[in-house]
PDB file of N, CA and C in Angstrom:
ATOM      1  N   MET A   1     -18.756  25.910   0.516  1.00  0.00           N
ATOM      2  CA  MET A   1     -17.400  26.055   0.959  1.00  0.00           C
ATOM      3  C   MET A   1     -16.515  26.385  -0.219  1.00  0.00           C
ATOM      4  N   SER A   2     -15.462  27.111   0.031  1.00  0.00           N
ATOM      5  CA  SER A   2     -14.537  27.430  -1.046  1.00  0.00           C
ATOM      6  C   SER A   2     -13.098  27.260  -0.575  1.00  0.00           C
ATOM      7  N   ILE A   3     -12.256  26.873  -1.527  1.00  0.00           N
ATOM      8  CA  ILE A   3     -10.831  26.756  -1.287  1.00  0.00           C
ATOM      9  C   ILE A   3     -10.117  27.419  -2.455  1.00  0.00           C
ATOM     10  N   THR A   4      -8.845  27.685  -2.293  1.00  0.00           N
ATOM     11  CA  THR A   4      -8.083  28.298  -3.372  1.00  0.00           C
ATOM     12  C   THR A   4      -7.690  27.239  -4.397  1.00  0.00           C
ATOM     13  N   GLY A   5      -7.260  27.685  -5.557  1.00  0.00           N
ATOM     14  CA  GLY A   5      -6.786  26.766  -6.574  1.00  0.00           C
ATOM     15  C   GLY A   5      -5.576  25.978  -6.100  1.00  0.00           C
ATOM     16  N   ALA A   6      -4.667  26.643  -5.392  1.00  0.00           N
ATOM     17  CA  ALA A   6      -3.476  25.956  -4.874  1.00  0.00           C
ATOM     18  C   ALA A   6      -3.868  24.868  -3.878  1.00  0.00           C
ATOM     19  N   GLU A   7      -4.879  25.134  -3.045  1.00  0.00           N
ATOM     20  CA  GLU A   7      -5.347  24.126  -2.092  1.00  0.00           C
ATOM     21  C   GLU A   7      -6.012  22.960  -2.821  1.00  0.00           C
ATOM     22  N   ALA A   8      -6.769  23.262  -3.869  1.00  0.00           N
ATOM     23  CA  ALA A   8      -7.395  22.200  -4.659  1.00  0.00           C
ATOM     24  C   ALA A   8      -6.333  21.307  -5.288  1.00  0.00           C
ATOM     25  N   GLN A   9      -5.236  21.906  -5.729  1.00  0.00           N
ATOM     26  CA  GLN A   9      -4.133  21.127  -6.282  1.00  0.00           C
ATOM     27  C   GLN A   9      -3.494  20.279  -5.189  1.00  0.00           C
ATOM     28  N   GLN A  10      -3.308  20.864  -4.035  1.00  0.00           N
ATOM     29  CA  GLN A  10      -2.663  20.171  -2.918  1.00  0.00           C
ATOM     30  C   GLN A  10      -3.413  18.907  -2.503  1.00  0.00           C
ATOM     31  N   ILE A  11      -4.753  18.957  -2.517  1.00  0.00           N
ATOM     32  CA  ILE A  11      -5.529  17.794  -2.075  1.00  0.00           C
ATOM     33  C   ILE A  11      -5.936  16.881  -3.227  1.00  0.00           C
ATOM     34  N   GLY A  12      -5.453  17.181  -4.440  1.00  0.00           N
ATOM     35  CA  GLY A  12      -5.701  16.300  -5.577  1.00  0.00           C
ATOM     36  C   GLY A  12      -7.021  16.510  -6.283  1.00  0.00           C
ATOM     37  N   LEU A  13      -7.692  17.614  -6.007  1.00  0.00           N
ATOM     38  CA  LEU A  13      -8.966  17.892  -6.660  1.00  0.00           C
ATOM     39  C   LEU A  13      -8.759  18.360  -8.099  1.00  0.00           C
ATOM     40  N   VAL A  14      -7.640  19.021  -8.349  1.00  0.00           N
ATOM     41  CA  VAL A  14      -7.274  19.470  -9.692  1.00  0.00           C
ATOM     42  C   VAL A  14      -5.842  19.052  -9.975  1.00  0.00           C
ATOM     43  N   LEU A  15      -5.509  18.953 -11.245  1.00  0.00           N
ATOM     44  CA  LEU A  15      -4.168  18.565 -11.647  1.00  0.00           C
ATOM     45  C   LEU A  15      -3.159  19.664 -11.343  1.00  0.00           C
ATOM     46  N   LYS A  16      -3.527  20.900 -11.663  1.00  0.00           N
ATOM     47  CA  LYS A  16      -2.585  22.001 -11.523  1.00  0.00           C
ATOM     48  C   LYS A  16      -3.327  23.309 -11.293  1.00  0.00           C
ATOM     49  N   ALA A  17      -2.729  24.162 -10.484  1.00  0.00           N
ATOM     50  CA  ALA A  17      -3.247  25.516 -10.285  1.00  0.00           C
ATOM     51  C   ALA A  17      -2.175  26.490 -10.761  1.00  0.00           C
ATOM     52  N   VAL A  18      -2.577  27.443 -11.585  1.00  0.00           N
ATOM     53  CA  VAL A  18      -1.633  28.438 -12.092  1.00  0.00           C
ATOM     54  C   VAL A  18      -2.215  29.829 -11.882  1.00  0.00           C
ATOM     55  N   PRO A  19      -1.364  30.842 -11.804  1.00  0.00           N
ATOM     56  CA  PRO A  19      -1.872  32.216 -11.692  1.00  0.00           C
ATOM     57  C   PRO A  19      -2.720  32.576 -12.912  1.00  0.00           C
ATOM     58  N   LYS A  20      -3.681  33.445 -12.695  1.00  0.00           N
ATOM     59  CA  LYS A  20      -4.626  33.813 -13.748  1.00  0.00           C
ATOM     60  C   LYS A  20      -3.928  34.271 -15.028  1.00  0.00           C
ATOM     61  N   GLU A  21      -2.840  35.004 -14.874  1.00  0.00           N
ATOM     62  CA  GLU A  21      -2.158  35.524 -16.056  1.00  0.00           C
ATOM     63  C   GLU A  21      -1.480  34.422 -16.888  1.00  0.00           C
ATOM     64  N   HIS A  22      -1.322  33.234 -16.338  1.00  0.00           N
ATOM     65  CA  HIS A  22      -0.717  32.116 -17.067  1.00  0.00           C
ATOM     66  C   HIS A  22      -1.750  31.075 -17.519  1.00  0.00           C
ATOM     67  N   LEU A  23      -2.999  31.255 -17.141  1.00  0.00           N
ATOM     68  CA  LEU A  23      -4.015  30.237 -17.400  1.00  0.00           C
ATOM     69  C   LEU A  23      -4.197  29.938 -18.882  1.00  0.00           C
ATOM     70  N   GLU A  24      -4.374  30.960 -19.696  1.00  0.00           N
ATOM     71  CA  GLU A  24      -4.607  30.733 -21.123  1.00  0.00           C
ATOM     72  C   GLU A  24      -3.429  29.985 -21.755  1.00  0.00           C
ATOM     73  N   TYR A  25      -2.216  30.368 -21.400  1.00  0.00           N
ATOM     74  CA  TYR A  25      -1.025  29.697 -21.932  1.00  0.00           C
ATOM     75  C   TYR A  25      -1.014  28.223 -21.525  1.00  0.00           C
ATOM     76  N   GLU A  26      -1.306  27.932 -20.270  1.00  0.00           N
ATOM     77  CA  GLU A  26      -1.323  26.552 -19.783  1.00  0.00           C
ATOM     78  C   GLU A  26      -2.360  25.715 -20.533  1.00  0.00           C
ATOM     79  N   VAL A  27      -3.540  26.291 -20.732  1.00  0.00           N
ATOM     80  CA  VAL A  27      -4.602  25.570 -21.445  1.00  0.00           C
ATOM     81  C   VAL A  27      -4.177  25.296 -22.887  1.00  0.00           C
ATOM     82  N   GLU A  28      -3.608  26.290 -23.537  1.00  0.00           N
ATOM     83  CA  GLU A  28      -3.160  26.111 -24.919  1.00  0.00           C
ATOM     84  C   GLU A  28      -2.076  25.040 -25.015  1.00  0.00           C
ATOM     85  N   GLN A  29      -1.153  25.041 -24.075  1.00  0.00           N
ATOM     86  CA  GLN A  29      -0.084  24.041 -24.079  1.00  0.00           C
ATOM     87  C   GLN A  29      -0.649  22.633 -23.890  1.00  0.00           C
ATOM     88  N   LEU A  30      -1.602  22.476 -22.974  1.00  0.00           N
ATOM     89  CA  LEU A  30      -2.222  21.165 -22.761  1.00  0.00           C
ATOM     90  C   LEU A  30      -2.973  20.714 -24.008  1.00  0.00           C
ATOM     91  N   ALA A  31      -3.734  21.629 -24.606  1.00  0.00           N
ATOM     92  CA  ALA A  31      -4.482  21.290 -25.827  1.00  0.00           C
ATOM     93  C   ALA A  31      -3.522  20.886 -26.949  1.00  0.00           C
ATOM     94  N   ASP A  32      -2.404  21.597 -27.084  1.00  0.00           N
ATOM     95  CA  ASP A  32      -1.417  21.248 -28.107  1.00  0.00           C
ATOM     96  C   ASP A  32      -0.854  19.845 -27.875  1.00  0.00           C
ATOM     97  N   ARG A  33      -0.602  19.498 -26.622  1.00  0.00           N
ATOM     98  CA  ARG A  33      -0.087  18.160 -26.311  1.00  0.00           C
ATOM     99  C   ARG A  33      -1.131  17.089 -26.613  1.00  0.00           C
ATOM    100  N   LEU A  34      -2.385  17.336 -26.260  1.00  0.00           N
ATOM    101  CA  LEU A  34      -3.444  16.362 -26.524  1.00  0.00           C
ATOM    102  C   LEU A  34      -3.633  16.144 -28.026  1.00  0.00           C
ATOM    103  N   CYS A  35      -3.459  17.195 -28.808  1.00  0.00           N
ATOM    104  CA  CYS A  35      -3.621  17.085 -30.262  1.00  0.00           C
ATOM    105  C   CYS A  35      -2.583  16.156 -30.892  1.00  0.00           C
ATOM    106  N   LYS A  36      -1.489  15.925 -30.207  1.00  0.00           N
ATOM    107  CA  LYS A  36      -0.429  15.061 -30.734  1.00  0.00           C
ATOM    108  C   LYS A  36      -0.699  13.579 -30.490  1.00  0.00           C
ATOM    109  N   ILE A  37      -1.710  13.265 -29.687  1.00  0.00           N
ATOM    110  CA  ILE A  37      -2.034  11.876 -29.391  1.00  0.00           C
ATOM    111  C   ILE A  37      -2.946  11.336 -30.478  1.00  0.00           C
ATOM    112  N   ASP A  38      -2.681  10.113 -30.897  1.00  0.00           N
ATOM    113  CA  ASP A  38      -3.494   9.462 -31.920  1.00  0.00           C
ATOM    114  C   ASP A  38      -4.965   9.455 -31.495  1.00  0.00           C
ATOM    115  N   PRO A  39      -5.878   9.891 -32.372  1.00  0.00           N
ATOM    116  CA  PRO A  39      -7.305   9.946 -32.020  1.00  0.00           C
ATOM    117  C   PRO A  39      -7.888   8.597 -31.597  1.00  0.00           C
ATOM    118  N   ASP A  40      -7.425   7.511 -32.225  1.00  0.00           N
ATOM    119  CA  ASP A  40      -7.935   6.194 -31.830  1.00  0.00           C
ATOM    120  C   ASP A  40      -7.518   5.858 -30.405  1.00  0.00           C
ATOM    121  N   LEU A  41      -6.290   6.216 -30.047  1.00  0.00           N
ATOM    122  CA  LEU A  41      -5.812   5.970 -28.693  1.00  0.00           C
ATOM    123  C   LEU A  41      -6.584   6.831 -27.682  1.00  0.00           C
ATOM    124  N   LEU A  42      -6.839   8.095 -28.053  1.00  0.00           N
ATOM    125  CA  LEU A  42      -7.627   8.965 -27.171  1.00  0.00           C
ATOM    126  C   LEU A  42      -9.027   8.408 -26.955  1.00  0.00           C
ATOM    127  N   SER A  43      -9.670   7.959 -28.023  1.00  0.00           N
ATOM    128  CA  SER A  43     -11.035   7.438 -27.879  1.00  0.00           C
ATOM    129  C   SER A  43     -11.045   6.144 -27.073  1.00  0.00           C
ATOM    130  N   THR A  44     -10.003   5.330 -27.220  1.00  0.00           N
ATOM    131  CA  THR A  44      -9.905   4.102 -26.425  1.00  0.00           C
ATOM    132  C   THR A  44      -9.759   4.439 -24.943  1.00  0.00           C
ATOM    133  N   ASN A  45      -8.900   5.403 -24.646  1.00  0.00           N
ATOM    134  CA  ASN A  45      -8.729   5.810 -23.243  1.00  0.00           C
ATOM    135  C   ASN A  45     -10.016   6.396 -22.671  1.00  0.00           C
ATOM    136  N   LYS A  46     -10.726   7.168 -23.481  1.00  0.00           N
ATOM    137  CA  LYS A  46     -12.000   7.734 -23.021  1.00  0.00           C
ATOM    138  C   LYS A  46     -12.992   6.618 -22.711  1.00  0.00           C
ATOM    139  N   ARG A  47     -13.036   5.605 -23.560  1.00  0.00           N
ATOM    140  CA  ARG A  47     -13.938   4.471 -23.330  1.00  0.00           C
ATOM    141  C   ARG A  47     -13.579   3.732 -22.046  1.00  0.00           C
ATOM    142  N   ILE A  48     -12.288   3.551 -21.785  1.00  0.00           N
ATOM    143  CA  ILE A  48     -11.839   2.888 -20.555  1.00  0.00           C
ATOM    144  C   ILE A  48     -12.294   3.685 -19.334  1.00  0.00           C
ATOM    145  N   ILE A  49     -12.110   4.992 -19.384  1.00  0.00           N
ATOM    146  CA  ILE A  49     -12.513   5.844 -18.256  1.00  0.00           C
ATOM    147  C   ILE A  49     -14.024   5.783 -18.057  1.00  0.00           C
ATOM    148  N   ASN A  50     -14.781   5.882 -19.158  1.00  0.00           N
ATOM    149  CA  ASN A  50     -16.241   5.821 -19.048  1.00  0.00           C
ATOM    150  C   ASN A  50     -16.711   4.486 -18.492  1.00  0.00           C
ATOM    151  N   MET A  51     -16.084   3.390 -18.923  1.00  0.00           N
ATOM    152  CA  MET A  51     -16.458   2.067 -18.426  1.00  0.00           C
ATOM    153  C   MET A  51     -16.167   1.959 -16.925  1.00  0.00           C
ATOM    154  N   GLY A  52     -15.015   2.475 -16.525  1.00  0.00           N
ATOM    155  CA  GLY A  52     -14.686   2.465 -15.097  1.00  0.00           C
ATOM    156  C   GLY A  52     -15.704   3.245 -14.278  1.00  0.00           C
ATOM    157  N   LEU A  53     -16.116   4.400 -14.785  1.00  0.00           N
ATOM    158  CA  LEU A  53     -17.121   5.206 -14.083  1.00  0.00           C
ATOM    159  C   LEU A  53     -18.454   4.468 -14.008  1.00  0.00           C
ATOM    160  N   GLU A  54     -18.821   3.790 -15.100  1.00  0.00           N
ATOM    161  CA  GLU A  54     -20.064   3.015 -15.088  1.00  0.00           C
ATOM    162  C   GLU A  54     -20.000   1.888 -14.062  1.00  0.00           C
ATOM    163  N   LEU A  55     -18.850   1.209 -13.998  1.00  0.00           N
ATOM    164  CA  LEU A  55     -18.698   0.120 -13.037  1.00  0.00           C
ATOM    165  C   LEU A  55     -18.755   0.627 -11.594  1.00  0.00           C
ATOM    166  N   MET A  56     -18.366   1.876 -11.392  1.00  0.00           N
ATOM    167  CA  MET A  56     -18.423   2.468 -10.051  1.00  0.00           C
ATOM    168  C   MET A  56     -19.804   3.035  -9.732  1.00  0.00           C
ATOM    169  N   GLY A  57     -20.727   2.932 -10.682  1.00  0.00           N
ATOM    170  CA  GLY A  57     -22.095   3.367 -10.416  1.00  0.00           C
ATOM    171  C   GLY A  57     -22.431   4.760 -10.911  1.00  0.00           C
ATOM    172  N   ALA A  58     -21.697   5.269 -11.882  1.00  0.00           N
ATOM    173  CA  ALA A  58     -21.934   6.638 -12.360  1.00  0.00           C
ATOM    174  C   ALA A  58     -23.358   6.823 -12.878  1.00  0.00           C
ATOM    175  N   ARG A  59     -23.867   5.827 -13.612  1.00  0.00           N
ATOM    176  CA  ARG A  59     -25.222   5.951 -14.154  1.00  0.00           C
ATOM    177  C   ARG A  59     -26.266   5.982 -13.045  1.00  0.00           C
ATOM    178  N   THR A  60     -26.073   5.122 -12.062  1.00  0.00           N
ATOM    179  CA  THR A  60     -26.984   5.100 -10.917  1.00  0.00           C
ATOM    180  C   THR A  60     -26.917   6.430 -10.182  1.00  0.00           C
ATOM    181  N   LEU A  61     -25.724   6.946 -10.012  1.00  0.00           N
ATOM    182  CA  LEU A  61     -25.549   8.233  -9.335  1.00  0.00           C
ATOM    183  C   LEU A  61     -26.242   9.357 -10.103  1.00  0.00           C
ATOM    184  N   GLN A  62     -26.137   9.347 -11.419  1.00  0.00           N
ATOM    185  CA  GLN A  62     -26.814  10.372 -12.225  1.00  0.00           C
ATOM    186  C   GLN A  62     -28.329  10.284 -12.072  1.00  0.00           C
ATOM    187  N   ARG A  63     -28.869   9.054 -12.070  1.00  0.00           N
ATOM    188  CA  ARG A  63     -30.318   8.883 -11.902  1.00  0.00           C
ATOM    189  C   ARG A  63     -30.758   9.383 -10.525  1.00  0.00           C
ATOM    190  N   MET A  64     -29.987   9.006  -9.490  1.00  0.00           N
ATOM    191  CA  MET A  64     -30.326   9.441  -8.134  1.00  0.00           C
ATOM    192  C   MET A  64     -30.238  10.967  -8.009  1.00  0.00           C
ATOM    193  N   ALA A  65     -29.246  11.562  -8.671  1.00  0.00           N
ATOM    194  CA  ALA A  65     -29.102  13.022  -8.625  1.00  0.00           C
ATOM    195  C   ALA A  65     -30.312  13.698  -9.266  1.00  0.00           C
ATOM    196  N   ALA A  66     -30.786  13.158 -10.384  1.00  0.00           N
ATOM    197  CA  ALA A  66     -31.960  13.731 -11.051  1.00  0.00           C
ATOM    198  C   ALA A  66     -33.194  13.623 -10.160  1.00  0.00           C
ATOM    199  N   GLU A  67     -33.362  12.470  -9.512  1.00  0.00           N
ATOM    200  CA  GLU A  67     -34.499  12.290  -8.617  1.00  0.00           C
ATOM    201  C   GLU A  67     -34.426  13.264  -7.438  1.00  0.00           C
ATOM    202  N   ASN A  68     -33.250  13.405  -6.871  1.00  0.00           N
ATOM    203  CA  ASN A  68     -33.095  14.311  -5.730  1.00  0.00           C
ATOM    204  C   ASN A  68     -33.226  15.772  -6.139  1.00  0.00           C
ATOM    205  N   ASP A  69     -32.855  16.096  -7.372  1.00  0.00           N
ATOM    206  CA  ASP A  69     -33.035  17.453  -7.871  1.00  0.00           C
ATOM    207  C   ASP A  69     -34.523  17.806  -7.902  1.00  0.00           C
ATOM    208  N   VAL A  70     -35.338  16.868  -8.371  1.00  0.00           N
ATOM    209  CA  VAL A  70     -36.791  17.081  -8.392  1.00  0.00           C
ATOM    210  C   VAL A  70     -37.313  17.262  -6.976  1.00  0.00           C
ATOM    211  N   ARG A  71     -36.868  16.397  -6.054  1.00  0.00           N
ATOM    212  CA  ARG A  71     -37.302  16.531  -4.652  1.00  0.00           C
ATOM    213  C   ARG A  71     -36.914  17.892  -4.082  1.00  0.00           C
ATOM    214  N   GLY A  72     -35.669  18.303  -4.361  1.00  0.00           N
ATOM    215  CA  GLY A  72     -35.195  19.579  -3.835  1.00  0.00           C
ATOM    216  C   GLY A  72     -35.989  20.759  -4.358  1.00  0.00           C
ATOM    217  N   HIS A  73     -36.319  20.738  -5.643  1.00  0.00           N
ATOM    218  CA  HIS A  73     -37.074  21.845  -6.222  1.00  0.00           C
ATOM    219  C   HIS A  73     -38.529  21.876  -5.759  1.00  0.00           C
ATOM    220  N   ASN A  74     -39.008  20.777  -5.208  1.00  0.00           N
ATOM    221  CA  ASN A  74     -40.375  20.731  -4.705  1.00  0.00           C
ATOM    222  C   ASN A  74     -40.451  20.779  -3.183  1.00  0.00           C
ATOM    223  N   ALA A  75     -39.326  20.958  -2.527  1.00  0.00           N
ATOM    224  CA  ALA A  75     -39.304  21.033  -1.068  1.00  0.00           C
ATOM    225  C   ALA A  75     -39.895  22.366  -0.597  1.00  0.00           C
ATOM    226  N   ARG A  76     -40.372  22.370   0.636  1.00  0.00           N
ATOM    227  CA  ARG A  76     -40.955  23.577   1.221  1.00  0.00           C
ATOM    228  C   ARG A  76     -39.965  24.746   1.171  1.00  0.00           C
ATOM    229  N   ALA A  77     -38.696  24.464   1.458  1.00  0.00           N
ATOM    230  CA  ALA A  77     -37.685  25.526   1.450  1.00  0.00           C
ATOM    231  C   ALA A  77     -37.540  26.155   0.066  1.00  0.00           C
ATOM    232  N   ALA A  78     -37.685  25.348  -0.985  1.00  0.00           N
ATOM    233  CA  ALA A  78     -37.569  25.877  -2.343  1.00  0.00           C
ATOM    234  C   ALA A  78     -38.698  26.853  -2.649  1.00  0.00           C
ATOM    235  N   PHE A  79     -39.895  26.554  -2.188  1.00  0.00           N
ATOM    236  CA  PHE A  79     -41.017  27.473  -2.396  1.00  0.00           C
ATOM    237  C   PHE A  79     -40.767  28.785  -1.654  1.00  0.00           C
ATOM    238  N   GLY A  80     -40.258  28.673  -0.429  1.00  0.00           N
ATOM    239  CA  GLY A  80     -39.929  29.872   0.339  1.00  0.00           C
ATOM    240  C   GLY A  80     -38.833  30.684  -0.334  1.00  0.00           C
ATOM    241  N   PHE A  81     -37.855  29.999  -0.909  1.00  0.00           N
ATOM    242  CA  PHE A  81     -36.772  30.670  -1.613  1.00  0.00           C
ATOM    243  C   PHE A  81     -37.321  31.458  -2.803  1.00  0.00           C
ATOM    244  N   ARG A  82     -38.188  30.819  -3.580  1.00  0.00           N
ATOM    245  CA  ARG A  82     -38.767  31.504  -4.744  1.00  0.00           C
ATOM    246  C   ARG A  82     -39.621  32.698  -4.320  1.00  0.00           C
ATOM    247  N   GLU A  83     -40.355  32.558  -3.230  1.00  0.00           N
ATOM    248  CA  GLU A  83     -41.155  33.686  -2.735  1.00  0.00           C
ATOM    249  C   GLU A  83     -40.250  34.839  -2.321  1.00  0.00           C
ATOM    250  N   SER A  84     -39.149  34.510  -1.641  1.00  0.00           N
ATOM    251  CA  SER A  84     -38.211  35.536  -1.211  1.00  0.00           C
ATOM    252  C   SER A  84     -37.586  36.250  -2.410  1.00  0.00           C
ATOM    253  N   VAL A  85     -37.240  35.500  -3.446  1.00  0.00           N
ATOM    254  CA  VAL A  85     -36.672  36.114  -4.652  1.00  0.00           C
ATOM    255  C   VAL A  85     -37.673  37.079  -5.264  1.00  0.00           C
ATOM    256  N   ALA A  86     -38.918  36.673  -5.336  1.00  0.00           N
ATOM    257  CA  ALA A  86     -39.948  37.544  -5.906  1.00  0.00           C
ATOM    258  C   ALA A  86     -40.142  38.804  -5.071  1.00  0.00           C
ATOM    259  N   LYS A  87     -39.998  38.662  -3.753  1.00  0.00           N
ATOM    260  CA  LYS A  87     -40.259  39.788  -2.854  1.00  0.00           C
ATOM    261  C   LYS A  87     -39.056  40.730  -2.731  1.00  0.00           C
ATOM    262  N   ILE A  88     -37.862  40.183  -2.496  1.00  0.00           N
ATOM    263  CA  ILE A  88     -36.706  41.053  -2.229  1.00  0.00           C
ATOM    264  C   ILE A  88     -35.567  40.916  -3.237  1.00  0.00           C
ATOM    265  N   GLY A  89     -35.715  40.031  -4.222  1.00  0.00           N
ATOM    266  CA  GLY A  89     -34.699  39.875  -5.255  1.00  0.00           C
ATOM    267  C   GLY A  89     -33.718  38.751  -4.942  1.00  0.00           C
ATOM    268  N   LEU A  90     -33.060  38.283  -5.982  1.00  0.00           N
ATOM    269  CA  LEU A  90     -32.152  37.147  -5.855  1.00  0.00           C
ATOM    270  C   LEU A  90     -30.932  37.468  -4.996  1.00  0.00           C
ATOM    271  N   ARG A  91     -30.305  38.612  -5.234  1.00  0.00           N
ATOM    272  CA  ARG A  91     -29.081  38.950  -4.500  1.00  0.00           C
ATOM    273  C   ARG A  91     -29.318  38.976  -2.993  1.00  0.00           C
ATOM    274  N   GLU A  92     -30.376  39.651  -2.572  1.00  0.00           N
ATOM    275  CA  GLU A  92     -30.654  39.746  -1.132  1.00  0.00           C
ATOM    276  C   GLU A  92     -31.091  38.386  -0.563  1.00  0.00           C
ATOM    277  N   THR A  93     -31.834  37.623  -1.334  1.00  0.00           N
ATOM    278  CA  THR A  93     -32.241  36.284  -0.885  1.00  0.00           C
ATOM    279  C   THR A  93     -31.022  35.401  -0.667  1.00  0.00           C
ATOM    280  N   LEU A  94     -30.089  35.421  -1.617  1.00  0.00           N
ATOM    281  CA  LEU A  94     -28.862  34.628  -1.461  1.00  0.00           C
ATOM    282  C   LEU A  94     -28.036  35.117  -0.282  1.00  0.00           C
ATOM    283  N   ARG A  95     -27.958  36.419  -0.109  1.00  0.00           N
ATOM    284  CA  ARG A  95     -27.212  36.994   1.019  1.00  0.00           C
ATOM    285  C   ARG A  95     -27.824  36.526   2.344  1.00  0.00           C
ATOM    286  N   ASN A  96     -29.130  36.564   2.445  1.00  0.00           N
ATOM    287  CA  ASN A  96     -29.803  36.111   3.667  1.00  0.00           C
ATOM    288  C   ASN A  96     -29.605  34.617   3.898  1.00  0.00           C
ATOM    289  N   ARG A  97     -29.744  33.832   2.828  1.00  0.00           N
ATOM    290  CA  ARG A  97     -29.589  32.383   2.948  1.00  0.00           C
ATOM    291  C   ARG A  97     -28.182  32.000   3.398  1.00  0.00           C
ATOM    292  N   ASP A  98     -27.190  32.662   2.841  1.00  0.00           N
ATOM    293  CA  ASP A  98     -25.796  32.262   3.074  1.00  0.00           C
ATOM    294  C   ASP A  98     -25.175  32.894   4.310  1.00  0.00           C
ATOM    295  N   ALA A  99     -25.809  33.907   4.898  1.00  0.00           N
ATOM    296  CA  ALA A  99     -25.222  34.625   6.026  1.00  0.00           C
ATOM    297  C   ALA A  99     -24.870  33.706   7.195  1.00  0.00           C
ATOM    298  N   LYS A 100     -25.681  32.706   7.458  1.00  0.00           N
ATOM    299  CA  LYS A 100     -25.434  31.832   8.600  1.00  0.00           C
ATOM    300  C   LYS A 100     -24.192  30.959   8.431  1.00  0.00           C
ATOM    301  N   PHE A 101     -23.674  30.875   7.213  1.00  0.00           N
ATOM    302  CA  PHE A 101     -22.500  30.044   6.961  1.00  0.00           C
ATOM    303  C   PHE A 101     -21.190  30.821   7.030  1.00  0.00           C
ATOM    304  N   GLY A 102     -21.238  32.076   7.378  1.00  0.00           N
ATOM    305  CA  GLY A 102     -20.013  32.867   7.451  1.00  0.00           C
ATOM    306  C   GLY A 102     -19.503  33.201   6.064  1.00  0.00           C
ATOM    307  N   ASP A 103     -18.182  33.146   5.895  1.00  0.00           N
ATOM    308  CA  ASP A 103     -17.608  33.542   4.613  1.00  0.00           C
ATOM    309  C   ASP A 103     -17.498  32.395   3.611  1.00  0.00           C
ATOM    310  N   GLY A 104     -17.806  31.169   4.027  1.00  0.00           N
ATOM    311  CA  GLY A 104     -17.811  30.042   3.110  1.00  0.00           C
ATOM    312  C   GLY A 104     -16.452  29.440   2.821  1.00  0.00           C
ATOM    313  N   ARG A 105     -15.397  30.032   3.375  1.00  0.00           N
ATOM    314  CA  ARG A 105     -14.059  29.484   3.126  1.00  0.00           C
ATOM    315  C   ARG A 105     -13.767  28.334   4.077  1.00  0.00           C
ATOM    316  N   VAL A 106     -12.875  27.458   3.665  1.00  0.00           N
ATOM    317  CA  VAL A 106     -12.392  26.386   4.528  1.00  0.00           C
ATOM    318  C   VAL A 106     -10.876  26.443   4.556  1.00  0.00           C
ATOM    319  N   ARG A 107     -10.310  25.925   5.595  1.00  0.00           N
ATOM    320  CA  ARG A 107      -8.852  25.850   5.697  1.00  0.00           C
ATOM    321  C   ARG A 107      -8.447  24.411   5.418  1.00  0.00           C
ATOM    322  N   VAL A 108      -7.602  24.217   4.422  1.00  0.00           N
ATOM    323  CA  VAL A 108      -7.139  22.889   4.057  1.00  0.00           C
ATOM    324  C   VAL A 108      -6.078  22.403   5.038  1.00  0.00           C
ATOM    325  N   ASN A 109      -5.196  23.286   5.437  1.00  0.00           N
ATOM    326  CA  ASN A 109      -4.104  22.915   6.343  1.00  0.00           C
ATOM    327  C   ASN A 109      -4.359  23.481   7.733  1.00  0.00           C
ATOM    328  N   GLY A 110      -4.368  22.626   8.716  1.00  0.00           N
ATOM    329  CA  GLY A 110      -4.527  23.069  10.096  1.00  0.00           C
ATOM    330  C   GLY A 110      -5.971  23.285  10.481  1.00  0.00           C
ATOM    331  N   PRO A 111      -6.178  23.610  11.759  1.00  0.00           N
ATOM    332  CA  PRO A 111      -7.549  23.792  12.263  1.00  0.00           C
ATOM    333  C   PRO A 111      -8.174  25.087  11.760  1.00  0.00           C
ATOM    334  N   GLU A 112      -9.492  25.098  11.783  1.00  0.00           N
ATOM    335  CA  GLU A 112     -10.227  26.301  11.414  1.00  0.00           C
ATOM    336  C   GLU A 112     -10.666  27.032  12.667  1.00  0.00           C
ATOM    337  N   PHE A 113     -10.381  28.305  12.720  1.00  0.00           N
ATOM    338  CA  PHE A 113     -10.877  29.163  13.787  1.00  0.00           C
ATOM    339  C   PHE A 113     -11.753  30.218  13.138  1.00  0.00           C
ATOM    340  N   ARG A 114     -12.936  30.424  13.721  1.00  0.00           N
ATOM    341  CA  ARG A 114     -13.898  31.365  13.154  1.00  0.00           C
ATOM    342  C   ARG A 114     -14.341  32.379  14.201  1.00  0.00           C
ATOM    343  N   ASP A 115     -14.711  33.562  13.739  1.00  0.00           N
ATOM    344  CA  ASP A 115     -15.236  34.574  14.650  1.00  0.00           C
ATOM    345  C   ASP A 115     -16.724  34.317  14.881  1.00  0.00           C
ATOM    346  N   GLU A 116     -17.386  35.211  15.602  1.00  0.00           N
ATOM    347  CA  GLU A 116     -18.798  35.027  15.978  1.00  0.00           C
ATOM    348  C   GLU A 116     -19.721  34.970  14.770  1.00  0.00           C
ATOM    349  N   GLU A 117     -19.306  35.573  13.660  1.00  0.00           N
ATOM    350  CA  GLU A 117     -20.154  35.580  12.460  1.00  0.00           C
ATOM    351  C   GLU A 117     -19.797  34.459  11.492  1.00  0.00           C
ATOM    352  N   GLY A 118     -18.924  33.550  11.913  1.00  0.00           N
ATOM    353  CA  GLY A 118     -18.586  32.410  11.084  1.00  0.00           C
ATOM    354  C   GLY A 118     -17.497  32.651  10.071  1.00  0.00           C
ATOM    355  N   ARG A 119     -16.839  33.818  10.146  1.00  0.00           N
ATOM    356  CA  ARG A 119     -15.761  34.119   9.203  1.00  0.00           C
ATOM    357  C   ARG A 119     -14.468  33.457   9.665  1.00  0.00           C
ATOM    358  N   LEU A 120     -13.728  32.894   8.725  1.00  0.00           N
ATOM    359  CA  LEU A 120     -12.454  32.261   9.012  1.00  0.00           C
ATOM    360  C   LEU A 120     -11.456  33.303   9.476  1.00  0.00           C
ATOM    361  N   THR A 121     -10.759  33.035  10.578  1.00  0.00           N
ATOM    362  CA  THR A 121      -9.754  33.960  11.086  1.00  0.00           C
ATOM    363  C   THR A 121      -8.358  33.372  10.873  1.00  0.00           C
ATOM    364  N   ASP A 122      -7.349  34.171  11.078  1.00  0.00           N
ATOM    365  CA  ASP A 122      -5.975  33.724  10.859  1.00  0.00           C
ATOM    366  C   ASP A 122      -5.342  33.135  12.101  1.00  0.00           C
ATOM    367  N   ASP A 123      -6.098  32.928  13.169  1.00  0.00           N
ATOM    368  CA  ASP A 123      -5.539  32.355  14.408  1.00  0.00           C
ATOM    369  C   ASP A 123      -5.005  30.973  14.203  1.00  0.00           C
TER     370      ASP A 123
END
């Protein structure tokens, strides 16, 4: 699924969305502001965030993700995917795999209406 940068900002997934032509300036401004913070204070805040993530199970989640990654790469579908890539190439394999999902976009505001091929419509 995909959403726009503005939608990601709206739902709190990102701090800010800016037009592409302003992106480099925004990044530079943020980096300049971070450079003004005392390094000891920055490292303390980083430690607090890391500890909070650990308490929420981040390490367990990483271990489970690694285990599931191995399972996924050894699943029957993965073997079929690799065979398809060898036979018809990656681009066509991905196109075939993703076709059933339509255009992959989601609507953040309001209901989603899709056509017969799964593409999001403006209705």
